[in-house]
């Protein structure tokens, strides 16, 4: 009855759109610096010169391509009334895992900003990824419940709008 911590999330289109857009946004980020290894600071293992981080383009781009492929498969299953939803449910879980990995990365356009702006944009990117995770959880629940209509409503419209706004904000070079 109440909307406690584990209650069903509100079905507001605004947060759904933003979450889905963020998923698509990260997929088109071209590069990001590698996070320092445990025990290493921003200047490398001994605190001297800054270590040059290799770009992680393939990882972030491949993750986003995987998200796109899974999302297409989910949309296809949801729109086919006779299709079993088991694969779509599994693909939701796969997308959630990939999103968690991509959320830990930094899109290249953010690294090109001044330091003050980088922090704000990185937090906005992480928030967008977290919102996308929340939306995917709603899609997964709808699929588990067999509610194709709700799943389609979450996958269509809001995801596409989220992708557009995400690309505009986090990958303006595209």
N, C-alpha and C. Protein backbone atom coordinates (compact mmCIF):
# COMPACT_ATOMS: atom_id res chain seq x y z
N UNK A 1 0.81 -1.18 0.00
CA UNK A 1 0.00 0.00 0.00
C UNK A 1 0.86 1.25 0.00
N UNK A 2 1.86 1.31 0.88
CA UNK A 2 2.75 2.47 0.91
C UNK A 2 3.84 2.33 -0.13
N UNK A 3 4.64 3.35 -0.23
CA UNK A 3 5.75 3.30 -1.19
C UNK A 3 7.06 3.26 -0.43
N UNK A 4 7.21 2.27 0.41
CA UNK A 4 8.40 2.11 1.22
C UNK A 4 9.62 1.86 0.37
N UNK A 5 10.70 1.52 1.02
CA UNK A 5 11.97 1.33 0.34
C UNK A 5 11.86 0.30 -0.76
N UNK A 6 11.10 -0.77 -0.56
CA UNK A 6 11.02 -1.83 -1.54
C UNK A 6 9.71 -1.79 -2.32
N UNK A 7 8.96 -0.71 -2.21
CA UNK A 7 7.70 -0.58 -2.94
C UNK A 7 7.95 -0.36 -4.42
N UNK A 8 6.94 -0.47 -5.20
CA UNK A 8 7.02 -0.28 -6.64
C UNK A 8 7.36 1.18 -6.94
N UNK A 9 8.31 1.41 -7.82
CA UNK A 9 8.73 2.76 -8.17
C UNK A 9 7.63 3.47 -8.94
N UNK A 10 7.56 4.79 -8.80
CA UNK A 10 6.55 5.53 -9.56
C UNK A 10 6.77 5.37 -11.05
N UNK A 11 5.71 5.46 -11.80
CA UNK A 11 5.80 5.24 -13.25
C UNK A 11 5.87 6.57 -14.00
N UNK A 12 6.53 7.55 -13.43
CA UNK A 12 6.64 8.85 -14.08
C UNK A 12 7.49 8.77 -15.32
N UNK A 13 7.02 9.35 -16.38
CA UNK A 13 7.74 9.27 -17.65
C UNK A 13 9.03 10.07 -17.62
N UNK A 14 9.11 11.13 -16.84
CA UNK A 14 10.31 11.97 -16.82
C UNK A 14 11.54 11.21 -16.36
N UNK A 15 11.45 10.51 -15.25
CA UNK A 15 12.62 9.79 -14.75
C UNK A 15 12.93 8.59 -15.62
N UNK A 16 11.91 7.98 -16.19
CA UNK A 16 12.12 6.84 -17.09
C UNK A 16 12.86 7.29 -18.33
N UNK A 17 12.45 8.41 -18.89
CA UNK A 17 13.08 8.93 -20.10
C UNK A 17 14.55 9.24 -19.83
N UNK A 18 14.83 9.89 -18.73
CA UNK A 18 16.21 10.25 -18.42
C UNK A 18 17.05 9.00 -18.22
N UNK A 19 16.51 8.02 -17.54
CA UNK A 19 17.26 6.80 -17.27
C UNK A 19 17.61 6.07 -18.55
N UNK A 20 16.67 5.96 -19.42
CA UNK A 20 16.88 5.24 -20.66
C UNK A 20 17.83 6.00 -21.57
N UNK A 21 17.74 7.30 -21.57
CA UNK A 21 18.63 8.10 -22.40
C UNK A 21 20.07 7.91 -21.95
N UNK A 22 20.26 7.81 -20.67
CA UNK A 22 21.60 7.66 -20.14
C UNK A 22 22.23 6.35 -20.58
N UNK A 23 21.42 5.34 -20.71
CA UNK A 23 21.93 4.05 -21.17
C UNK A 23 22.52 4.21 -22.56
N UNK A 24 21.78 4.84 -23.41
CA UNK A 24 22.23 5.01 -24.79
C UNK A 24 23.39 5.96 -24.88
N UNK A 25 23.44 6.96 -24.03
CA UNK A 25 24.47 7.99 -24.06
C UNK A 25 25.85 7.39 -23.87
N UNK A 26 25.97 6.59 -22.86
CA UNK A 26 27.26 6.03 -22.53
C UNK A 26 27.79 5.13 -23.63
N UNK A 27 26.93 4.56 -24.42
CA UNK A 27 27.34 3.67 -25.48
C UNK A 27 28.15 4.33 -26.56
N UNK A 28 28.00 5.63 -26.69
CA UNK A 28 28.68 6.31 -27.77
C UNK A 28 29.82 7.18 -27.28
N UNK A 29 30.21 7.01 -26.04
CA UNK A 29 31.38 7.71 -25.53
C UNK A 29 32.61 7.04 -26.15
N UNK A 30 33.54 7.82 -26.59
CA UNK A 30 34.65 7.23 -27.35
C UNK A 30 35.81 6.77 -26.51
N UNK A 31 36.11 7.45 -25.42
CA UNK A 31 37.25 7.04 -24.61
C UNK A 31 37.08 7.56 -23.20
N UNK A 32 37.77 6.93 -22.29
CA UNK A 32 37.78 7.40 -20.93
C UNK A 32 39.06 6.93 -20.28
N UNK A 33 39.53 7.69 -19.29
CA UNK A 33 40.78 7.27 -18.65
C UNK A 33 40.56 6.05 -17.78
N UNK A 34 41.60 5.30 -17.64
CA UNK A 34 41.53 4.12 -16.77
C UNK A 34 41.60 4.58 -15.33
N UNK A 35 40.80 3.97 -14.49
CA UNK A 35 40.82 4.30 -13.06
C UNK A 35 42.14 3.82 -12.46
N UNK A 36 42.66 4.56 -11.47
CA UNK A 36 43.91 4.11 -10.85
C UNK A 36 43.73 2.75 -10.19
N UNK A 37 44.79 1.95 -10.23
CA UNK A 37 44.75 0.65 -9.58
C UNK A 37 44.83 0.84 -8.07
N UNK A 38 44.40 -0.16 -7.35
CA UNK A 38 44.45 -0.09 -5.89
C UNK A 38 45.88 0.19 -5.45
N UNK A 39 46.04 1.17 -4.58
CA UNK A 39 47.36 1.53 -4.09
C UNK A 39 48.05 2.58 -4.94
N UNK A 40 47.46 2.96 -6.04
CA UNK A 40 48.04 3.99 -6.89
C UNK A 40 47.20 5.25 -6.81
N UNK A 41 47.87 6.34 -6.79
CA UNK A 41 47.17 7.62 -6.79
C UNK A 41 47.10 8.16 -8.20
N UNK A 42 46.64 9.40 -8.35
CA UNK A 42 46.52 9.99 -9.67
C UNK A 42 47.87 10.22 -10.36
N UNK A 43 48.95 10.19 -9.60
CA UNK A 43 50.27 10.42 -10.20
C UNK A 43 51.03 9.12 -10.45
N UNK A 44 50.37 7.99 -10.34
CA UNK A 44 51.05 6.72 -10.60
C UNK A 44 51.48 6.05 -9.31
N UNK A 45 52.20 4.94 -9.43
CA UNK A 45 52.52 4.13 -8.27
C UNK A 45 53.44 4.81 -7.26
N UNK A 46 54.31 5.72 -7.69
CA UNK A 46 55.27 6.30 -6.74
C UNK A 46 55.02 7.78 -6.49
N UNK A 47 53.94 8.33 -7.02
CA UNK A 47 53.61 9.73 -6.76
C UNK A 47 54.40 10.71 -7.60
N UNK A 48 55.15 10.24 -8.58
CA UNK A 48 55.93 11.12 -9.44
C UNK A 48 55.07 11.70 -10.54
N UNK A 49 55.55 11.60 -11.74
CA UNK A 49 54.82 12.11 -12.89
C UNK A 49 53.49 11.38 -13.03
N UNK A 50 52.53 12.07 -13.61
CA UNK A 50 51.22 11.44 -13.86
C UNK A 50 51.39 10.29 -14.84
N UNK A 51 50.79 9.17 -14.49
CA UNK A 51 50.83 8.02 -15.37
C UNK A 51 49.84 8.25 -16.51
N UNK A 52 50.25 7.95 -17.72
CA UNK A 52 49.36 8.09 -18.88
C UNK A 52 48.43 6.90 -18.92
N UNK A 53 47.15 7.16 -18.81
CA UNK A 53 46.17 6.07 -18.80
C UNK A 53 45.79 5.71 -20.22
N UNK A 54 45.80 4.43 -20.55
CA UNK A 54 45.39 4.04 -21.90
C UNK A 54 43.88 4.21 -22.05
N UNK A 55 43.44 4.61 -23.23
CA UNK A 55 42.00 4.76 -23.43
C UNK A 55 41.29 3.43 -23.33
N UNK A 56 40.04 3.47 -22.86
CA UNK A 56 39.25 2.25 -22.72
C UNK A 56 38.09 2.27 -23.71
N UNK A 57 38.34 2.81 -24.87
CA UNK A 57 37.31 2.92 -25.88
C UNK A 57 36.59 1.61 -26.14
N UNK A 58 37.31 0.54 -26.40
CA UNK A 58 36.60 -0.70 -26.74
C UNK A 58 35.65 -1.17 -25.64
N UNK A 59 36.04 -1.01 -24.38
CA UNK A 59 35.21 -1.50 -23.29
C UNK A 59 33.89 -0.74 -23.19
N UNK A 60 33.95 0.58 -23.17
CA UNK A 60 32.72 1.37 -23.03
C UNK A 60 31.88 1.25 -24.29
N UNK A 61 32.50 1.36 -25.43
CA UNK A 61 31.76 1.26 -26.69
C UNK A 61 31.13 -0.13 -26.84
N UNK A 62 31.90 -1.17 -26.54
CA UNK A 62 31.37 -2.54 -26.64
C UNK A 62 30.22 -2.74 -25.66
N UNK A 63 30.35 -2.18 -24.48
CA UNK A 63 29.27 -2.29 -23.50
C UNK A 63 27.99 -1.64 -24.00
N UNK A 64 28.12 -0.48 -24.59
CA UNK A 64 26.95 0.23 -25.10
C UNK A 64 26.33 -0.48 -26.30
N UNK A 65 27.18 -1.08 -27.14
CA UNK A 65 26.66 -1.85 -28.26
C UNK A 65 25.89 -3.07 -27.75
N UNK A 66 26.41 -3.69 -26.71
CA UNK A 66 25.73 -4.83 -26.09
C UNK A 66 24.37 -4.40 -25.54
N UNK A 67 24.33 -3.24 -24.89
CA UNK A 67 23.06 -2.72 -24.37
C UNK A 67 22.05 -2.52 -25.49
N UNK A 68 22.53 -1.95 -26.59
CA UNK A 68 21.65 -1.69 -27.73
C UNK A 68 21.09 -3.00 -28.29
N UNK A 69 21.94 -4.01 -28.45
CA UNK A 69 21.49 -5.31 -28.98
C UNK A 69 20.48 -5.97 -28.05
N UNK A 70 20.76 -5.95 -26.75
CA UNK A 70 19.83 -6.54 -25.79
C UNK A 70 18.50 -5.80 -25.78
N UNK A 71 18.55 -4.50 -25.87
CA UNK A 71 17.32 -3.71 -25.85
C UNK A 71 16.45 -4.01 -27.07
N UNK A 72 17.08 -4.17 -28.23
CA UNK A 72 16.33 -4.54 -29.44
C UNK A 72 15.66 -5.89 -29.27
N UNK A 73 16.38 -6.85 -28.68
CA UNK A 73 15.81 -8.19 -28.46
C UNK A 73 14.64 -8.13 -27.48
N UNK A 74 14.78 -7.32 -26.45
CA UNK A 74 13.69 -7.17 -25.47
C UNK A 74 12.48 -6.55 -26.14
N UNK A 75 12.69 -5.50 -26.92
CA UNK A 75 11.58 -4.84 -27.61
C UNK A 75 10.87 -5.81 -28.54
N UNK A 76 11.63 -6.61 -29.24
CA UNK A 76 11.04 -7.58 -30.16
C UNK A 76 10.19 -8.61 -29.41
N UNK A 77 10.71 -9.11 -28.30
CA UNK A 77 9.97 -10.10 -27.51
C UNK A 77 8.70 -9.50 -26.92
N UNK A 78 8.79 -8.27 -26.45
CA UNK A 78 7.64 -7.62 -25.83
C UNK A 78 6.53 -7.38 -26.84
N UNK A 79 6.91 -7.04 -28.07
CA UNK A 79 5.92 -6.74 -29.10
C UNK A 79 5.34 -7.98 -29.76
N UNK A 80 5.93 -9.15 -29.52
CA UNK A 80 5.43 -10.40 -30.08
C UNK A 80 4.61 -11.12 -29.01
N UNK A 81 3.28 -11.11 -29.13
CA UNK A 81 2.44 -11.65 -28.06
C UNK A 81 2.68 -13.14 -27.77
N UNK A 82 3.17 -13.89 -28.73
CA UNK A 82 3.38 -15.31 -28.51
C UNK A 82 4.80 -15.66 -28.08
N UNK A 83 5.69 -14.67 -28.08
CA UNK A 83 7.08 -14.93 -27.72
C UNK A 83 7.22 -15.12 -26.21
N UNK A 84 7.97 -16.14 -25.80
CA UNK A 84 8.22 -16.30 -24.37
C UNK A 84 9.09 -15.14 -23.88
N UNK A 85 8.93 -14.79 -22.63
CA UNK A 85 9.64 -13.63 -22.08
C UNK A 85 10.91 -14.01 -21.32
N UNK A 86 11.21 -15.31 -21.22
CA UNK A 86 12.38 -15.74 -20.45
C UNK A 86 13.67 -15.11 -20.95
N UNK A 87 13.87 -15.10 -22.28
CA UNK A 87 15.09 -14.51 -22.84
C UNK A 87 15.13 -13.00 -22.57
N UNK A 88 14.00 -12.34 -22.69
CA UNK A 88 13.95 -10.90 -22.43
C UNK A 88 14.29 -10.59 -20.97
N UNK A 89 13.82 -11.42 -20.07
CA UNK A 89 14.13 -11.23 -18.64
C UNK A 89 15.63 -11.40 -18.41
N UNK A 90 16.22 -12.41 -19.05
CA UNK A 90 17.66 -12.64 -18.90
C UNK A 90 18.45 -11.48 -19.51
N UNK A 91 17.97 -10.97 -20.63
CA UNK A 91 18.65 -9.84 -21.26
C UNK A 91 18.58 -8.58 -20.40
N UNK A 92 17.49 -8.40 -19.67
CA UNK A 92 17.40 -7.27 -18.72
C UNK A 92 18.51 -7.39 -17.68
N UNK A 93 18.67 -8.57 -17.13
CA UNK A 93 19.71 -8.80 -16.13
C UNK A 93 21.10 -8.54 -16.71
N UNK A 94 21.30 -8.96 -17.96
CA UNK A 94 22.57 -8.72 -18.63
C UNK A 94 22.81 -7.22 -18.81
N UNK A 95 21.78 -6.50 -19.20
CA UNK A 95 21.90 -5.06 -19.38
C UNK A 95 22.23 -4.37 -18.06
N UNK A 96 21.63 -4.83 -16.98
CA UNK A 96 21.91 -4.24 -15.67
C UNK A 96 23.37 -4.43 -15.30
N UNK A 97 23.92 -5.62 -15.56
CA UNK A 97 25.34 -5.87 -15.26
C UNK A 97 26.24 -4.97 -16.10
N UNK A 98 25.94 -4.84 -17.38
CA UNK A 98 26.76 -4.00 -18.27
C UNK A 98 26.67 -2.54 -17.84
N UNK A 99 25.48 -2.09 -17.49
CA UNK A 99 25.32 -0.70 -17.05
C UNK A 99 26.15 -0.40 -15.81
N UNK A 100 26.20 -1.33 -14.88
CA UNK A 100 27.01 -1.13 -13.68
C UNK A 100 28.47 -0.96 -14.06
N UNK A 101 28.95 -1.77 -15.02
CA UNK A 101 30.33 -1.64 -15.48
C UNK A 101 30.56 -0.30 -16.17
N UNK A 102 29.63 0.10 -17.04
CA UNK A 102 29.79 1.35 -17.78
C UNK A 102 29.68 2.57 -16.87
N UNK A 103 28.91 2.43 -15.81
CA UNK A 103 28.75 3.55 -14.87
C UNK A 103 30.07 3.89 -14.21
N UNK A 104 30.97 2.92 -14.09
CA UNK A 104 32.27 3.13 -13.47
C UNK A 104 33.27 3.78 -14.42
N UNK A 105 32.90 3.93 -15.69
CA UNK A 105 33.79 4.52 -16.69
C UNK A 105 33.45 5.99 -16.89
N UNK A 106 34.35 6.69 -17.56
CA UNK A 106 34.14 8.11 -17.84
C UNK A 106 34.15 8.33 -19.34
N UNK A 107 33.06 8.84 -19.91
CA UNK A 107 33.05 9.15 -21.34
C UNK A 107 34.11 10.20 -21.68
N UNK A 108 34.73 10.06 -22.83
CA UNK A 108 35.81 10.96 -23.26
C UNK A 108 35.42 12.44 -23.21
N UNK A 109 34.24 12.83 -23.68
CA UNK A 109 33.92 14.26 -23.65
C UNK A 109 33.99 14.88 -22.24
N UNK A 110 33.75 14.08 -21.22
CA UNK A 110 33.83 14.60 -19.86
C UNK A 110 35.29 14.88 -19.49
N UNK A 111 36.20 14.05 -19.96
CA UNK A 111 37.62 14.24 -19.63
C UNK A 111 38.19 15.49 -20.29
N UNK A 112 37.51 16.01 -21.29
CA UNK A 112 37.99 17.20 -22.00
C UNK A 112 37.56 18.49 -21.32
N UNK A 113 36.74 18.40 -20.29
CA UNK A 113 36.23 19.58 -19.59
C UNK A 113 37.23 20.06 -18.54
N UNK A 114 37.10 21.33 -18.12
CA UNK A 114 37.91 21.81 -16.99
C UNK A 114 37.58 20.99 -15.73
N UNK A 115 38.53 20.87 -14.81
CA UNK A 115 38.33 20.01 -13.63
C UNK A 115 37.02 20.27 -12.87
N UNK A 116 36.64 21.50 -12.65
CA UNK A 116 35.40 21.78 -11.92
C UNK A 116 34.19 21.24 -12.66
N UNK A 117 34.17 21.42 -13.96
CA UNK A 117 33.05 20.94 -14.77
C UNK A 117 33.06 19.42 -14.89
N UNK A 118 34.26 18.82 -14.88
CA UNK A 118 34.37 17.37 -14.98
C UNK A 118 33.61 16.68 -13.84
N UNK A 119 33.82 17.17 -12.63
CA UNK A 119 33.16 16.55 -11.47
C UNK A 119 31.65 16.61 -11.60
N UNK A 120 31.14 17.76 -11.97
CA UNK A 120 29.68 17.91 -12.10
C UNK A 120 29.13 17.02 -13.21
N UNK A 121 29.80 16.99 -14.35
CA UNK A 121 29.32 16.16 -15.47
C UNK A 121 29.46 14.68 -15.17
N UNK A 122 30.53 14.29 -14.47
CA UNK A 122 30.70 12.89 -14.12
C UNK A 122 29.58 12.44 -13.17
N UNK A 123 29.25 13.30 -12.21
CA UNK A 123 28.15 12.97 -11.30
C UNK A 123 26.83 12.89 -12.06
N UNK A 124 26.63 13.79 -13.01
CA UNK A 124 25.40 13.74 -13.82
C UNK A 124 25.36 12.46 -14.65
N UNK A 125 26.49 12.05 -15.20
CA UNK A 125 26.58 10.81 -15.97
C UNK A 125 26.26 9.61 -15.08
N UNK A 126 26.87 9.56 -13.90
CA UNK A 126 26.61 8.45 -12.98
C UNK A 126 25.15 8.42 -12.55
N UNK A 127 24.56 9.58 -12.33
CA UNK A 127 23.14 9.64 -11.96
C UNK A 127 22.29 9.10 -13.11
N UNK A 128 22.62 9.51 -14.32
CA UNK A 128 21.86 9.04 -15.48
C UNK A 128 21.96 7.52 -15.61
N UNK A 129 23.14 6.97 -15.36
CA UNK A 129 23.30 5.52 -15.43
C UNK A 129 22.50 4.83 -14.32
N UNK A 130 22.51 5.43 -13.13
CA UNK A 130 21.74 4.86 -12.01
C UNK A 130 20.24 4.91 -12.32
N UNK A 131 19.78 5.99 -12.93
CA UNK A 131 18.37 6.07 -13.31
C UNK A 131 18.03 5.03 -14.37
N UNK A 132 18.97 4.80 -15.28
CA UNK A 132 18.75 3.76 -16.29
C UNK A 132 18.64 2.39 -15.63
N UNK A 133 19.47 2.14 -14.64
CA UNK A 133 19.39 0.88 -13.90
C UNK A 133 18.03 0.73 -13.23
N UNK A 134 17.54 1.81 -12.65
CA UNK A 134 16.22 1.77 -12.00
C UNK A 134 15.14 1.46 -13.02
N UNK A 135 15.23 2.06 -14.19
CA UNK A 135 14.24 1.81 -15.23
C UNK A 135 14.32 0.37 -15.72
N UNK A 136 15.53 -0.13 -15.90
CA UNK A 136 15.69 -1.53 -16.33
C UNK A 136 15.11 -2.48 -15.29
N UNK A 137 15.26 -2.14 -14.03
CA UNK A 137 14.66 -2.98 -12.99
C UNK A 137 13.14 -2.97 -13.13
N UNK A 138 12.56 -1.83 -13.47
CA UNK A 138 11.11 -1.75 -13.68
C UNK A 138 10.70 -2.58 -14.89
N UNK A 139 11.50 -2.54 -15.95
CA UNK A 139 11.22 -3.35 -17.14
C UNK A 139 11.29 -4.83 -16.77
N UNK A 140 12.31 -5.21 -16.03
CA UNK A 140 12.47 -6.61 -15.63
C UNK A 140 11.27 -7.07 -14.79
N UNK A 141 10.84 -6.25 -13.87
CA UNK A 141 9.68 -6.60 -13.04
C UNK A 141 8.43 -6.74 -13.90
N UNK A 142 8.25 -5.82 -14.84
CA UNK A 142 7.09 -5.91 -15.74
C UNK A 142 7.14 -7.20 -16.54
N UNK A 143 8.32 -7.58 -17.02
CA UNK A 143 8.46 -8.82 -17.78
C UNK A 143 8.19 -10.04 -16.91
N UNK A 144 8.71 -10.03 -15.70
CA UNK A 144 8.46 -11.14 -14.77
C UNK A 144 6.97 -11.27 -14.50
N UNK A 145 6.28 -10.13 -14.39
CA UNK A 145 4.83 -10.12 -14.15
C UNK A 145 4.04 -10.43 -15.42
N UNK A 146 4.72 -10.51 -16.56
CA UNK A 146 4.03 -10.76 -17.83
C UNK A 146 3.31 -9.54 -18.37
N UNK A 147 3.66 -8.36 -17.89
CA UNK A 147 3.00 -7.12 -18.30
C UNK A 147 3.74 -6.52 -19.50
N UNK A 148 3.42 -7.05 -20.68
CA UNK A 148 4.07 -6.60 -21.91
C UNK A 148 3.78 -5.12 -22.20
N UNK A 149 2.59 -4.69 -21.87
CA UNK A 149 2.21 -3.31 -22.14
C UNK A 149 3.10 -2.34 -21.35
N UNK A 150 3.28 -2.59 -20.07
CA UNK A 150 4.13 -1.72 -19.26
C UNK A 150 5.58 -1.81 -19.72
N UNK A 151 6.05 -3.04 -20.01
CA UNK A 151 7.43 -3.20 -20.47
C UNK A 151 7.65 -2.40 -21.75
N UNK A 152 6.70 -2.48 -22.69
CA UNK A 152 6.84 -1.74 -23.94
C UNK A 152 6.82 -0.24 -23.69
N UNK A 153 5.95 0.19 -22.79
CA UNK A 153 5.86 1.62 -22.46
C UNK A 153 7.20 2.13 -21.92
N UNK A 154 7.86 1.32 -21.10
CA UNK A 154 9.16 1.71 -20.54
C UNK A 154 10.28 1.65 -21.56
N UNK A 155 10.23 0.64 -22.43
CA UNK A 155 11.29 0.46 -23.42
C UNK A 155 11.18 1.48 -24.55
N UNK A 156 9.99 1.68 -25.02
CA UNK A 156 9.78 2.64 -26.11
C UNK A 156 9.73 4.05 -25.53
N UNK A 157 9.52 5.01 -26.31
CA UNK A 157 9.37 6.38 -25.84
C UNK A 157 10.45 6.84 -24.88
N UNK A 158 10.32 6.52 -23.60
CA UNK A 158 11.28 7.02 -22.62
C UNK A 158 12.73 6.62 -22.93
N UNK A 159 12.96 5.39 -23.35
CA UNK A 159 14.34 4.99 -23.66
C UNK A 159 14.89 5.77 -24.85
N UNK A 160 14.08 5.92 -25.84
CA UNK A 160 14.55 6.65 -27.02
C UNK A 160 14.83 8.12 -26.68
N UNK A 161 13.96 8.73 -25.91
CA UNK A 161 14.18 10.12 -25.50
C UNK A 161 15.41 10.24 -24.61
N UNK A 162 15.59 9.28 -23.74
CA UNK A 162 16.76 9.29 -22.86
C UNK A 162 18.04 9.16 -23.68
N UNK A 163 18.00 8.34 -24.70
CA UNK A 163 19.17 8.18 -25.56
C UNK A 163 19.52 9.49 -26.25
N UNK A 164 18.50 10.15 -26.78
CA UNK A 164 18.75 11.43 -27.46
C UNK A 164 19.34 12.46 -26.51
N UNK A 165 18.72 12.63 -25.36
CA UNK A 165 19.21 13.65 -24.43
C UNK A 165 20.58 13.27 -23.87
N UNK A 166 20.81 11.98 -23.70
CA UNK A 166 22.11 11.53 -23.23
C UNK A 166 23.22 11.80 -24.23
N UNK A 167 22.94 11.53 -25.48
CA UNK A 167 23.94 11.81 -26.52
C UNK A 167 24.24 13.29 -26.60
N UNK A 168 23.22 14.10 -26.50
CA UNK A 168 23.41 15.54 -26.57
C UNK A 168 24.29 16.04 -25.42
N UNK A 169 24.10 15.45 -24.24
CA UNK A 169 24.82 15.94 -23.09
C UNK A 169 26.20 15.31 -22.92
N UNK A 170 26.30 14.00 -23.06
CA UNK A 170 27.53 13.29 -22.72
C UNK A 170 28.38 12.90 -23.92
N UNK A 171 27.88 13.08 -25.13
CA UNK A 171 28.65 12.78 -26.32
C UNK A 171 28.27 13.75 -27.43
N UNK A 172 28.56 15.03 -27.21
CA UNK A 172 28.15 16.03 -28.20
C UNK A 172 28.91 15.93 -29.52
N UNK A 173 30.00 15.18 -29.56
CA UNK A 173 30.80 15.04 -30.78
C UNK A 173 30.17 14.09 -31.78
N UNK A 174 29.17 13.34 -31.36
CA UNK A 174 28.57 12.34 -32.25
C UNK A 174 27.73 12.99 -33.31
